[in-house]
Amino acid sequence: MAVKWWVIVITVLALLKLSVLSSFSQEQQQISDQVYQELDYLSSLFDPEKELDPTKLAALIEFVEATPADTSLDLKKRNSMAGAFHSFQIDSSFDHLLGYVYNPDIPSYITMPSSLQSHHSLTPEFAKELRRLIDEASSPHSTVVLRGEENQTITPDTNTGSYYSYSQGRLVALLPGVSGPVLLSATLQDQISDVGRRGCIVGDDGNWDYLFSDKTGLNTMGLGWVHSYMYEAYSVMLYIADPATETIKTATFKWLNAGWQKLNMVKSHHILGGIKRFATGLKSVLESPDLPEVTEIVDKYQELRKKTEEELRRLVTPYLELIGNGKDAGSCPSSFISSVASGEYLQQMNSDEIIRILLLEYIKTRIGDRTPETAAAHLLADDQSGQRS
């Protein structure tokens, strides 16, 4: 009997200890009202008439600096939008990050392969300003702020298979930090997106193979009729460099309202999954020791852009054949695969879509994601041999 009571006492004490530790952990990870106020302040700076005051971001930067990598938190709702926070570390120098991620001569989908299908700046001078930002990034002595408008199309969602095109404002700011430079990138989507269309992730999402269609609706069974939209979104990313270790503390705060019939179907865990998906793709590219030099990627991109549509179709055909006949074909609805197999899909593709596939396949073979037997290796070999002959 005494043994039984001791077991009960020990169990109760253990539960009390876990409860205290849990409460302590939640208290330690709670986001202060001041941080939320500074995130609100940032959202007001998309107005070009307003100047950024770095002192009004002190609590936000301190919070990110103090939060361990791989921390995930729910955020308070914002204008009925669910929100999530996630922090991670990039093992890269700050110059390396800027040279690839914010280089206007490299398509954004190269460093965000699992998130972006296309990205176009709507502000002509923004590219010139980004180049100036890169030049001043090594040792910023004052705050640099860039503002612009952009349009982008994302990759198919992992939950529904839908993808969306929308316009948004972008704010980029470079600030001098205590240990190294701080880069802040915020986006604000306040206009409704185009209607959601059906796409497909071919096999594992980490392969970055996607198919797109013009059909509206969701791939989820019984929801093909749905006309879904991204109603609004707000995100803030911070990159805090540590030159001593050549690492970058990175954090994302994101809110999103998306669904149909003006109902928000997005939960915090959906947003968190999207942030982690983005982080995985970004890290796999930037941290690869075999990533081609910036000039090599730019040259390859320009080389592809000079090709005729007929040449591009010839180059991408073996890739589509592998997609249509490969072991992962079953991961897509049959309508997608039949379209690929019949050649209809290829005929509907524009040059930008084909260039995206070819350039990403080129990157994948270089950073070790693919074996030499992949479509990209054959395409490049065939193309180069054709040029030599």
Protein backbone atom coordinates (compact mmCIF):
# COMPACT_ATOMS: atom_id res chain seq x y z
CA MET A 1 0.00 0.00 0.00
CA ALA A 2 2.88 2.35 0.92
CA VAL A 3 4.48 1.69 -2.46
CA LYS A 4 1.22 2.59 -4.21
CA TRP A 5 1.01 5.93 -2.38
CA TRP A 6 4.63 6.72 -3.22
CA VAL A 7 3.89 6.09 -6.89
CA ILE A 8 0.91 8.47 -6.71
CA VAL A 9 2.96 11.17 -4.93
CA ILE A 10 5.84 10.92 -7.44
CA THR A 11 3.39 11.04 -10.38
CA VAL A 12 1.65 14.15 -9.01
CA LEU A 13 4.99 15.88 -8.39
CA ALA A 14 6.11 15.06 -11.93
CA LEU A 15 2.90 16.48 -13.39
CA LEU A 16 3.25 19.65 -11.30
CA LYS A 17 6.84 20.04 -12.51
CA LEU A 18 5.77 19.62 -16.15
CA SER A 19 2.98 22.15 -15.63
CA VAL A 20 5.39 24.70 -14.15
CA LEU A 21 7.93 24.15 -16.93
CA SER A 22 5.20 24.46 -19.56
CA SER A 23 3.92 27.71 -18.06
CA PHE A 24 7.46 29.04 -17.79
CA SER A 25 8.17 28.13 -21.42
CA GLN A 26 5.01 29.86 -22.65
CA GLU A 27 5.82 32.94 -20.56
CA GLN A 28 9.37 33.06 -21.93
CA GLN A 29 8.17 32.79 -25.50
CA GLN A 30 5.31 35.26 -25.25
CA ILE A 31 5.52 38.11 -27.73
CA SER A 32 5.25 41.46 -25.98
CA ASP A 33 2.73 44.16 -26.84
CA GLN A 34 5.66 46.39 -27.77
CA VAL A 35 6.72 43.97 -30.51
CA TYR A 36 3.19 43.94 -31.89
CA GLN A 37 3.13 47.75 -31.82
CA GLU A 38 6.36 47.86 -33.80
CA LEU A 39 4.97 45.38 -36.35
CA ASP A 40 1.97 47.71 -36.71
CA TYR A 41 4.34 50.64 -37.11
CA LEU A 42 6.11 48.81 -39.95
CA SER A 43 2.83 48.28 -41.79
CA SER A 44 2.35 52.07 -41.88
CA LEU A 45 5.68 52.59 -43.67
CA PHE A 46 4.41 51.36 -47.04
CA ASP A 47 3.26 54.96 -47.35
CA PRO A 48 6.18 56.68 -49.17
CA GLU A 49 5.51 59.88 -47.26
CA LYS A 50 6.58 58.26 -43.97
CA GLU A 51 10.18 57.86 -42.85
CA LEU A 52 11.50 54.85 -40.99
CA ASP A 53 12.73 55.52 -37.47
CA PRO A 54 15.04 52.63 -36.43
CA THR A 55 14.53 53.38 -32.74
CA LYS A 56 10.90 52.31 -33.15
CA LEU A 57 12.03 48.80 -34.13
CA ALA A 58 14.33 48.13 -31.18
CA ALA A 59 12.03 45.70 -29.36
CA LEU A 60 11.29 43.78 -32.57
CA ILE A 61 14.97 43.30 -33.37
CA GLU A 62 15.81 42.40 -29.77
CA PHE A 63 13.04 39.79 -29.73
CA VAL A 64 14.37 38.09 -32.88
CA GLU A 65 17.96 38.21 -31.58
CA ALA A 66 16.92 36.57 -28.30
CA THR A 67 14.67 33.89 -29.79
CA PRO A 68 16.36 30.52 -30.45
CA ALA A 69 16.33 29.10 -33.97
CA ASP A 70 13.46 26.71 -34.79
CA THR A 71 11.04 28.50 -32.49
CA SER A 72 7.43 28.48 -33.70
CA LEU A 73 4.64 30.57 -32.18
CA ASP A 74 1.05 31.49 -32.88
CA LEU A 75 0.48 35.22 -33.36
CA LYS A 76 -2.43 37.33 -32.22
CA LYS A 77 -5.03 37.81 -34.92
CA ARG A 78 -4.66 40.87 -37.12
CA ASN A 79 -7.75 42.19 -38.92
CA SER A 80 -9.29 38.71 -38.55
CA MET A 81 -6.15 37.14 -40.10
CA ALA A 82 -4.54 34.14 -38.43
CA GLY A 83 -0.81 34.48 -37.87
CA ALA A 84 2.34 32.50 -37.14
CA PHE A 85 5.98 33.16 -36.26
CA HIS A 86 8.99 30.99 -37.04
CA SER A 87 12.72 31.56 -36.58
CA PHE A 88 15.59 29.73 -38.23
CA GLN A 89 19.29 30.11 -38.88
CA ILE A 90 20.96 30.38 -42.28
CA ASP A 91 24.59 29.26 -42.38
CA SER A 92 25.71 31.92 -44.79
CA SER A 93 27.42 35.29 -44.91
CA PHE A 94 25.26 38.38 -45.26
CA ASP A 95 26.83 39.29 -48.62
CA HIS A 96 26.07 35.78 -49.89
CA LEU A 97 22.39 36.17 -48.92
CA LEU A 98 22.03 39.55 -50.59
CA GLY A 99 23.92 38.52 -53.70
CA TYR A 100 21.47 35.71 -54.44
CA VAL A 101 18.14 36.51 -52.74
CA TYR A 102 17.97 40.24 -53.44
CA ASN A 103 19.83 40.33 -56.74
CA PRO A 104 17.43 41.67 -59.40
CA ASP A 105 19.37 39.79 -62.09
CA ILE A 106 18.53 36.39 -60.55
CA PRO A 107 14.89 35.21 -60.66
CA SER A 108 13.44 34.97 -57.14
CA TYR A 109 12.34 31.36 -57.68
CA ILE A 110 16.00 30.28 -57.63
CA THR A 111 16.29 30.89 -53.88
CA MET A 112 12.59 30.32 -53.13
CA PRO A 113 11.95 27.25 -55.33
CA SER A 114 9.20 25.71 -53.22
CA SER A 115 7.31 28.99 -52.78
CA LEU A 116 7.43 31.05 -55.99
CA GLN A 117 6.41 30.24 -59.54
CA SER A 118 7.03 33.76 -60.83
CA HIS A 119 7.82 37.24 -59.54
CA HIS A 120 7.75 40.57 -61.38
CA SER A 121 8.55 44.00 -60.02
CA LEU A 122 6.02 46.68 -60.99
CA THR A 123 8.35 49.51 -59.91
CA PRO A 124 10.95 50.18 -62.64
CA GLU A 125 13.54 51.84 -60.36
CA PHE A 126 13.36 49.11 -57.72
CA ALA A 127 16.01 46.93 -59.43
CA LYS A 128 18.48 49.83 -59.49
CA GLU A 129 17.82 50.51 -55.81
CA LEU A 130 18.41 46.83 -54.93
CA ARG A 131 21.83 46.97 -56.58
CA ARG A 132 22.66 50.02 -54.47
CA LEU A 133 21.49 48.13 -51.38
CA ILE A 134 23.85 45.23 -52.16
CA ASP A 135 26.76 47.64 -52.64
CA GLU A 136 26.18 49.30 -49.27
CA ALA A 137 25.35 46.17 -47.29
CA SER A 138 28.81 45.24 -46.01
CA SER A 139 29.03 48.13 -43.57
CA PRO A 140 25.87 50.26 -43.57
CA HIS A 141 26.34 53.55 -41.75
CA SER A 142 22.77 54.72 -42.15
CA THR A 143 19.34 53.28 -42.84
CA VAL A 144 18.44 52.48 -46.45
CA VAL A 145 14.74 52.07 -47.28
CA LEU A 146 13.26 50.78 -50.56
CA ARG A 147 9.60 50.62 -51.52
CA GLY A 148 7.95 49.04 -54.52
CA GLU A 149 5.01 47.12 -55.95
CA GLU A 150 5.24 43.59 -57.30
CA ASN A 151 3.19 40.78 -58.73
CA GLN A 152 3.86 37.14 -57.98
CA THR A 153 2.44 33.68 -58.50
CA ILE A 154 3.06 31.08 -55.83
CA THR A 155 3.54 27.33 -56.14
CA PRO A 156 0.63 24.94 -55.45
CA ASP A 157 -0.44 24.81 -51.82
CA THR A 158 0.47 21.60 -49.99
CA ASN A 159 -3.04 21.29 -48.51
CA THR A 160 -5.33 22.00 -51.46
CA GLY A 161 -3.11 22.04 -54.57
CA SER A 162 -4.32 25.53 -55.47
CA TYR A 163 -2.05 28.37 -56.49
CA TYR A 164 -2.65 32.13 -56.62
CA SER A 165 -1.44 35.27 -58.37
CA TYR A 166 -1.61 38.62 -56.60
CA SER A 167 -0.02 42.04 -56.27
CA GLN A 168 1.53 43.38 -53.10
CA GLY A 169 3.63 46.21 -51.74
CA ARG A 170 7.19 45.51 -50.62
CA LEU A 171 9.30 47.39 -48.10
CA VAL A 172 13.01 46.57 -47.76
CA ALA A 173 15.18 48.28 -45.15
CA LEU A 174 18.86 47.90 -44.33
CA LEU A 175 19.85 49.00 -40.83
CA PRO A 176 23.17 49.05 -38.97
CA GLY A 177 23.01 46.56 -36.08
CA VAL A 178 24.99 45.95 -32.92
CA SER A 179 26.98 42.97 -34.23
CA GLY A 180 26.25 43.28 -37.94
CA PRO A 181 23.75 44.59 -40.48
CA VAL A 182 20.02 43.96 -40.15
CA LEU A 183 17.85 43.47 -43.21
CA LEU A 184 14.10 43.82 -42.96
CA SER A 185 11.70 42.77 -45.73
CA ALA A 186 7.97 43.31 -45.37
CA THR A 187 5.10 42.69 -47.77
CA LEU A 188 1.51 43.90 -47.65
CA GLN A 189 -1.23 42.42 -49.84
CA ASP A 190 -4.35 44.53 -49.42
CA GLN A 191 -6.05 43.70 -52.72
CA ILE A 192 -7.79 40.39 -53.40
CA SER A 193 -5.84 37.84 -55.45
CA ASP A 194 -6.88 36.26 -58.72
CA VAL A 195 -9.14 33.26 -58.25
CA GLY A 196 -7.29 30.16 -57.07
CA ARG A 197 -6.39 27.69 -59.80
CA ARG A 198 -5.52 24.03 -59.66
CA GLY A 199 -1.91 22.96 -59.56
CA CYS A 200 -0.06 19.85 -58.51
CA ILE A 201 3.07 19.00 -56.52
CA VAL A 202 4.74 16.15 -58.39
CA GLY A 203 6.13 13.68 -55.85
CA ASP A 204 8.06 15.08 -52.91
CA ASP A 205 7.79 18.84 -52.48
CA GLY A 206 11.55 18.98 -51.99
CA ASN A 207 12.01 18.07 -55.66
CA TRP A 208 10.49 21.45 -56.68
CA ASP A 209 8.50 19.86 -59.50
CA TYR A 210 5.11 21.49 -60.06
CA LEU A 211 2.36 21.48 -62.66
CA PHE A 212 -0.08 24.34 -63.22
CA SER A 213 -3.46 24.57 -64.93
CA ASP A 214 -5.98 27.31 -65.75
CA LYS A 215 -8.79 25.38 -64.06
CA THR A 216 -10.27 27.06 -61.01
CA GLY A 217 -11.09 25.21 -57.80
CA LEU A 218 -9.30 22.95 -55.35
CA ASN A 219 -7.86 19.48 -55.91
CA THR A 220 -9.42 18.36 -52.63
CA MET A 221 -12.16 15.81 -53.32
CA GLY A 222 -15.58 17.44 -53.43
CA LEU A 223 -14.19 21.00 -53.55
CA GLY A 224 -13.47 21.33 -57.25
CA TRP A 225 -16.29 23.89 -57.48
CA VAL A 226 -14.74 26.27 -54.95
CA HIS A 227 -13.67 29.74 -56.05
CA SER A 228 -11.00 30.52 -53.49
CA TYR A 229 -8.96 33.69 -52.98
CA MET A 230 -6.20 35.18 -50.93
CA TYR A 231 -8.01 38.18 -49.44
CA GLU A 232 -5.15 39.88 -47.60
CA ALA A 233 -1.76 39.15 -46.10
CA TYR A 234 1.00 40.86 -44.15
CA SER A 235 4.47 39.47 -43.52
CA VAL A 236 7.70 40.70 -41.97
CA MET A 237 11.07 38.98 -42.33
CA LEU A 238 14.19 39.92 -40.43
CA TYR A 239 17.73 38.83 -41.26
CA ILE A 240 20.23 39.63 -38.50
CA ALA A 241 23.82 38.98 -39.53
CA ASP A 242 26.58 37.69 -37.29
CA PRO A 243 29.81 38.31 -39.24
CA ALA A 244 31.90 36.50 -36.61
CA THR A 245 30.19 33.14 -37.27
CA GLU A 246 28.96 33.86 -40.81
CA THR A 247 25.42 32.96 -39.82
CA ILE A 248 22.15 34.84 -40.15
CA LYS A 249 19.38 34.74 -37.56
CA THR A 250 16.18 34.77 -39.58
CA ALA A 251 12.58 35.19 -38.47
CA THR A 252 9.22 35.50 -40.17
CA PHE A 253 5.99 36.99 -38.83
CA LYS A 254 3.09 36.29 -41.16
CA TRP A 255 -0.66 36.84 -41.21
CA LEU A 256 -3.01 35.54 -43.91
CA ASN A 257 -6.69 35.60 -44.79
CA ALA A 258 -7.64 33.16 -47.54
CA GLY A 259 -10.64 31.00 -48.34
CA TRP A 260 -13.91 31.33 -50.20
CA GLN A 261 -17.18 33.22 -49.86
CA LYS A 262 -15.19 35.72 -47.77
CA LEU A 263 -14.61 33.12 -45.06
CA ASN A 264 -11.06 32.76 -43.75
CA MET A 265 -10.16 29.07 -43.84
CA VAL A 266 -6.53 29.58 -42.82
CA LYS A 267 -5.26 28.50 -39.41
CA SER A 268 -1.95 29.34 -37.77
CA HIS A 269 -0.57 25.84 -38.44
CA HIS A 270 -1.20 26.29 -42.18
CA ILE A 271 0.85 29.50 -42.16
CA LEU A 272 3.59 27.87 -40.10
CA GLY A 273 3.81 25.03 -42.60
CA GLY A 274 4.22 27.55 -45.40
CA ILE A 275 7.00 29.41 -43.58
CA LYS A 276 8.89 26.18 -42.89
CA ARG A 277 8.45 25.15 -46.52
CA PHE A 278 9.96 28.46 -47.61
CA ALA A 279 12.82 28.17 -45.09
CA THR A 280 13.72 24.64 -46.22
CA GLY A 281 14.01 25.71 -49.86
CA LEU A 282 15.97 28.86 -49.04
CA LYS A 283 18.46 27.05 -46.81
CA SER A 284 18.98 24.15 -49.22
CA VAL A 285 20.05 26.61 -51.92
CA LEU A 286 22.05 29.17 -49.95
CA GLU A 287 23.86 26.65 -47.76
CA SER A 288 24.97 24.39 -50.60
CA PRO A 289 28.75 24.52 -51.12
CA ASP A 290 28.14 23.66 -54.78
CA LEU A 291 25.83 26.56 -55.56
CA PRO A 292 27.05 28.18 -58.81
CA GLU A 293 28.51 31.68 -58.64
CA VAL A 294 26.13 34.58 -59.15
CA THR A 295 27.64 35.42 -62.54
CA GLU A 296 27.21 31.83 -63.73
CA ILE A 297 23.50 31.80 -62.84
CA VAL A 298 22.95 35.20 -64.44
CA ASP A 299 24.74 34.08 -67.62
CA LYS A 300 22.70 30.87 -67.81
CA TYR A 301 19.47 32.81 -67.29
CA GLN A 302 20.33 35.30 -70.04
CA GLU A 303 21.36 32.45 -72.33
CA LEU A 304 17.95 30.81 -71.90
CA ARG A 305 16.12 34.09 -72.44
CA LYS A 306 17.79 34.49 -75.84
CA LYS A 307 16.44 31.18 -77.11
CA THR A 308 13.39 30.97 -79.31
CA GLU A 309 10.18 29.42 -78.04
CA GLU A 310 10.77 26.44 -80.30
CA GLU A 311 14.25 25.87 -78.83
CA LEU A 312 12.89 26.11 -75.30
CA ARG A 313 10.13 23.61 -76.03
CA ARG A 314 12.70 21.19 -77.41
CA LEU A 315 14.85 21.54 -74.30
CA VAL A 316 12.03 21.00 -71.81
CA THR A 317 10.42 18.04 -73.61
CA PRO A 318 12.59 15.33 -71.95
CA TYR A 319 11.79 16.80 -68.53
CA LEU A 320 8.05 16.63 -69.17
CA GLU A 321 8.39 13.08 -70.47
CA LEU A 322 10.00 12.08 -67.18
CA ILE A 323 7.24 13.84 -65.24
CA GLY A 324 4.51 12.11 -67.25
CA ASN A 325 6.04 8.64 -67.14
CA GLY A 326 7.92 8.74 -63.84
CA LYS A 327 7.13 7.01 -60.56
CA ASP A 328 5.68 10.25 -59.10
CA ALA A 329 3.08 10.75 -61.84
CA GLY A 330 0.45 9.16 -59.60
CA SER A 331 0.74 12.02 -57.11
CA CYS A 332 -1.16 14.28 -59.52
CA PRO A 333 -4.76 14.09 -60.75
CA SER A 334 -4.98 12.08 -63.97
CA SER A 335 -6.03 15.17 -65.96
CA PHE A 336 -2.61 16.74 -65.35
CA ILE A 337 -0.66 13.65 -66.40
CA SER A 338 -2.75 13.02 -69.51
CA SER A 339 -2.21 16.63 -70.53
CA VAL A 340 1.55 16.22 -70.10
CA ALA A 341 1.63 12.87 -71.93
CA SER A 342 -0.38 14.17 -74.90
CA GLY A 343 1.83 17.22 -75.37
CA GLU A 344 -1.05 19.59 -74.64
CA TYR A 345 0.63 20.86 -71.48
CA LEU A 346 3.80 21.81 -73.37
CA GLN A 347 1.85 23.73 -76.00
CA GLN A 348 0.16 25.82 -73.29
CA MET A 349 3.42 26.79 -71.58
CA ASN A 350 4.92 30.22 -72.17
CA SER A 351 8.64 30.96 -72.38
CA ASP A 352 8.92 32.16 -68.78
CA GLU A 353 7.44 28.92 -67.45
CA ILE A 354 9.86 26.83 -69.48
CA ILE A 355 12.86 28.94 -68.48
CA ARG A 356 11.91 28.50 -64.84
CA ILE A 357 11.97 24.72 -65.17
CA LEU A 358 15.26 24.65 -67.10
CA LEU A 359 17.03 27.06 -64.78
CA LEU A 360 15.85 25.26 -61.65
CA GLU A 361 16.85 21.89 -63.09
CA TYR A 362 20.27 23.37 -63.82
CA ILE A 363 20.55 24.52 -60.19
CA LYS A 364 19.34 21.16 -58.84
CA THR A 365 21.99 19.21 -60.71
CA ARG A 366 24.68 21.59 -59.49
CA ILE A 367 23.76 21.56 -55.79
CA GLY A 368 23.41 17.79 -55.64
CA ASP A 369 19.64 17.41 -55.48
CA ARG A 370 19.59 15.32 -58.64
CA THR A 371 21.70 12.50 -60.06
CA PRO A 372 23.44 12.87 -63.45
CA GLU A 373 20.69 10.78 -65.04
CA THR A 374 18.10 13.54 -64.62
CA ALA A 375 16.42 15.43 -67.41
CA ALA A 376 18.37 18.60 -66.68
CA ALA A 377 21.75 16.94 -67.12
CA HIS A 378 20.71 15.55 -70.51
CA LEU A 379 19.18 18.83 -71.59
CA LEU A 380 22.27 20.84 -70.80
CA ALA A 381 24.59 18.25 -72.33
CA ASP A 382 22.53 18.07 -75.51
CA ASP A 383 22.30 21.84 -75.74
CA GLN A 384 26.01 22.40 -75.21
CA SER A 385 27.01 19.70 -77.70
CA GLY A 386 24.65 21.28 -80.23
CA GLN A 387 26.38 24.63 -79.76
CA ARG A 388 29.84 23.07 -80.25
CA SER A 389 28.96 21.25 -83.47
